[in-house]
Amino acid sequence: MSDVGCPVVAKAGGSYILWSGMARLIVFDLDLTLWHCGPMLWCDQLTPPLGRDGGGRVVAACRTEVQLYPEVPELLAELVEEGCLLGLASRTSAPEIASELLELFAIAGHFRHRQIYPGDKSAHFRALREESGIDYAEMIFFDDEPRNVDSVARLGVAAHLVRGGMTRALLEQARRGA
């Protein structure tokens, strides 16, 4: 991964798009943003151990299937390919389960910066800024909870509400500064 983060252009849907500004760090929430845990909603409600079943699906001991949202694998791979620096900010009370899911989905390596623990997301972002050296104004954040989006936006981060999982359309909306 590049130390400078996202270039001015990023590949989206086979063509290059221009970012409205320099996004040096793109940060994602986990539950209901990158993946969903079926009827359980959050990964901290899953019963370990987790693994893959005979069909290759990621499942918990309680037989709940966890799935990445459809556009997530390709979207993350493209962002990394284009030199974007990616991070995670999750309030889960089960960071071990979240880390295990990242490994099972083979996306753990996409994220250089990880803040995965309970608490207000503003604390996660203070830690991300300190660890990365990147100003809030050079970060973009995607989360499914309005309270998290509001908390992080007050810091000066371009924070975007996710509904129904992360999508290319939402990424493009963030790119336009909308």
Protein backbone atom coordinates (compact mmCIF):
# COMPACT_ATOMS: atom_id res chain seq x y z
CA MET A 1 0.00 0.00 0.00
CA SER A 2 1.10 3.53 -0.68
CA ASP A 3 2.02 5.78 2.22
CA VAL A 4 0.43 8.76 0.47
CA GLY A 5 -3.05 7.25 0.34
CA CYS A 6 -5.52 7.81 -2.47
CA PRO A 7 -4.32 9.45 -5.63
CA VAL A 8 -6.39 12.15 -7.26
CA VAL A 9 -7.94 9.56 -9.56
CA ALA A 10 -9.46 6.27 -8.52
CA LYS A 11 -10.78 3.41 -10.63
CA ALA A 12 -14.53 2.88 -10.40
CA GLY A 13 -16.51 0.49 -12.55
CA GLY A 14 -13.77 0.14 -15.15
CA SER A 15 -13.19 3.86 -15.64
CA TYR A 16 -11.21 6.48 -13.77
CA ILE A 17 -13.01 9.03 -11.65
CA LEU A 18 -11.69 12.27 -10.18
CA TRP A 19 -11.89 12.70 -6.40
CA SER A 20 -13.24 16.08 -5.31
CA GLY A 21 -10.27 16.37 -2.96
CA MET A 22 -7.35 14.39 -1.70
CA ALA A 23 -8.62 11.50 0.42
CA ARG A 24 -5.52 10.14 2.08
CA LEU A 25 -7.38 7.67 4.33
CA ILE A 26 -10.69 5.93 3.68
CA VAL A 27 -12.18 4.39 6.81
CA PHE A 28 -15.00 1.87 7.05
CA ASP A 29 -17.19 0.56 9.85
CA LEU A 30 -17.71 -3.22 9.78
CA ASP A 31 -21.19 -4.44 10.81
CA LEU A 32 -23.91 -3.40 8.35
CA THR A 33 -21.32 -1.46 6.32
CA LEU A 34 -18.90 -4.08 4.94
CA TRP A 35 -20.78 -7.19 6.09
CA HIS A 36 -24.03 -8.37 7.62
CA CYS A 37 -24.58 -11.15 10.13
CA GLY A 38 -28.05 -12.18 9.04
CA PRO A 39 -30.63 -11.98 11.83
CA MET A 40 -27.91 -11.30 14.42
CA LEU A 41 -27.09 -7.84 12.99
CA TRP A 42 -23.72 -7.42 14.74
CA CYS A 43 -20.71 -9.71 14.91
CA ASP A 44 -20.59 -9.46 18.71
CA GLN A 45 -23.84 -11.47 18.75
CA LEU A 46 -22.26 -14.42 16.95
CA THR A 47 -21.30 -17.63 18.73
CA PRO A 48 -17.70 -18.72 18.10
CA PRO A 49 -16.02 -20.56 16.61
CA LEU A 50 -16.35 -19.15 13.13
CA GLY A 51 -15.28 -20.89 9.96
CA ARG A 52 -16.27 -21.93 6.50
CA ASP A 53 -18.87 -24.62 5.91
CA GLY A 54 -18.76 -27.23 3.14
CA GLY A 55 -20.12 -24.70 0.68
CA GLY A 56 -17.44 -22.14 1.51
CA ARG A 57 -19.81 -19.84 3.39
CA VAL A 58 -18.59 -18.01 6.50
CA VAL A 59 -20.66 -19.25 9.43
CA ALA A 60 -20.67 -19.07 13.22
CA ALA A 61 -21.24 -22.03 15.55
CA CYS A 62 -24.85 -20.85 15.89
CA ARG A 63 -25.13 -21.53 12.10
CA THR A 64 -25.58 -17.86 11.31
CA GLU A 65 -24.07 -16.99 7.96
CA VAL A 66 -22.03 -13.79 7.69
CA GLN A 67 -21.72 -12.20 4.25
CA LEU A 68 -19.84 -9.31 2.75
CA TYR A 69 -22.15 -6.97 0.87
CA PRO A 70 -21.97 -7.80 -2.85
CA GLU A 71 -19.88 -4.85 -4.04
CA VAL A 72 -17.42 -4.84 -1.12
CA PRO A 73 -14.74 -7.34 -2.27
CA GLU A 74 -14.22 -5.72 -5.67
CA LEU A 75 -14.51 -2.19 -4.29
CA LEU A 76 -11.85 -2.79 -1.63
CA ALA A 77 -9.53 -4.52 -4.10
CA GLU A 78 -9.83 -1.61 -6.55
CA LEU A 79 -9.17 0.99 -3.86
CA VAL A 80 -6.04 -0.87 -2.77
CA GLU A 81 -4.94 -1.33 -6.40
CA GLU A 82 -5.19 2.42 -6.90
CA GLY A 83 -3.00 3.14 -3.88
CA CYS A 84 -5.68 4.13 -1.39
CA LEU A 85 -4.84 3.79 2.29
CA LEU A 86 -7.73 2.05 4.07
CA GLY A 87 -8.70 1.87 7.72
CA LEU A 88 -11.35 0.44 10.01
CA ALA A 89 -13.27 1.98 12.90
CA SER A 90 -15.65 -0.35 14.69
CA ARG A 91 -17.37 -0.10 18.07
CA THR A 92 -17.84 -3.86 18.39
CA SER A 93 -17.46 -5.42 21.81
CA ALA A 94 -16.01 -8.50 20.08
CA PRO A 95 -12.83 -7.34 18.33
CA GLU A 96 -11.54 -10.92 18.17
CA ILE A 97 -14.58 -12.02 16.18
CA ALA A 98 -14.29 -8.98 13.89
CA SER A 99 -10.62 -9.77 13.25
CA GLU A 100 -11.44 -13.40 12.55
CA LEU A 101 -14.10 -12.36 10.04
CA LEU A 102 -11.63 -10.07 8.28
CA GLU A 103 -9.29 -13.06 7.91
CA LEU A 104 -12.05 -15.45 6.80
CA PHE A 105 -13.14 -12.99 4.11
CA ALA A 106 -9.48 -12.53 3.08
CA ILE A 107 -9.71 -8.73 3.35
CA ALA A 108 -7.65 -8.17 6.51
CA GLY A 109 -4.60 -7.19 4.48
CA HIS A 110 -6.45 -4.30 2.85
CA PHE A 111 -6.52 -2.28 6.08
CA ARG A 112 -3.35 -0.73 7.44
CA HIS A 113 -5.08 1.17 10.25
CA ARG A 114 -7.54 -0.56 12.57
CA GLN A 115 -9.41 0.78 15.57
CA ILE A 116 -11.75 -2.01 16.68
CA TYR A 117 -13.10 -1.69 20.23
CA PRO A 118 -16.16 -0.31 22.07
CA GLY A 119 -16.53 3.44 22.46
CA ASP A 120 -17.42 6.62 20.64
CA LYS A 121 -16.09 6.74 17.09
CA SER A 122 -14.46 10.11 17.75
CA ALA A 123 -11.96 8.24 19.98
CA HIS A 124 -11.29 5.83 17.13
CA PHE A 125 -10.57 8.74 14.82
CA ARG A 126 -8.31 10.54 17.27
CA ALA A 127 -6.29 7.31 17.40
CA LEU A 128 -6.35 6.99 13.59
CA ARG A 129 -5.08 10.55 13.21
CA GLU A 130 -2.31 9.99 15.73
CA GLU A 131 -1.28 6.63 14.26
CA SER A 132 -1.43 7.69 10.60
CA GLY A 133 -0.41 11.34 10.84
CA ILE A 134 -3.31 12.18 8.50
CA ASP A 135 -5.55 15.17 9.24
CA TYR A 136 -9.28 14.67 9.65
CA ALA A 137 -9.93 16.81 6.56
CA GLU A 138 -8.06 14.22 4.48
CA MET A 139 -10.22 11.30 5.70
CA ILE A 140 -13.46 9.82 4.41
CA PHE A 141 -15.61 7.61 6.64
CA PHE A 142 -18.49 5.23 5.90
CA ASP A 143 -20.81 3.94 8.67
CA ASP A 144 -24.38 2.68 8.97
CA GLU A 145 -25.21 4.51 12.22
CA PRO A 146 -26.19 8.20 12.14
CA ARG A 147 -24.73 8.79 15.63
CA ASN A 148 -21.31 7.58 14.43
CA VAL A 149 -21.48 9.65 11.25
CA ASP A 150 -22.41 12.75 13.30
CA SER A 151 -19.69 12.16 15.90
CA VAL A 152 -16.96 11.79 13.29
CA ALA A 153 -18.25 14.62 11.08
CA ARG A 154 -17.88 17.01 14.03
CA LEU A 155 -14.13 16.31 13.88
CA GLY A 156 -14.00 17.50 10.26
CA VAL A 157 -14.01 14.07 8.58
CA ALA A 158 -16.15 13.66 5.45
CA ALA A 159 -18.53 11.11 7.01
CA HIS A 160 -21.17 9.28 4.96
CA LEU A 161 -24.17 7.26 6.08
CA VAL A 162 -24.41 3.74 4.63
CA ARG A 163 -27.80 2.11 4.09
CA GLY A 164 -27.92 -1.53 3.00
CA GLY A 165 -24.16 -1.99 2.79
CA MET A 166 -21.25 -0.24 1.12
CA THR A 167 -21.70 0.36 -2.61
CA ARG A 168 -19.85 1.91 -5.51
CA ALA A 169 -22.62 4.52 -5.81
CA LEU A 170 -21.96 5.68 -2.24
CA LEU A 171 -18.23 5.83 -2.90
CA GLU A 172 -18.89 7.96 -5.99
CA GLN A 173 -21.22 10.21 -3.97
CA ALA A 174 -18.43 10.72 -1.43
CA ARG A 175 -16.03 11.41 -4.30
CA ARG A 176 -18.25 14.21 -5.50
CA GLY A 177 -18.30 15.66 -2.00
CA ALA A 178 -22.05 15.18 -1.74
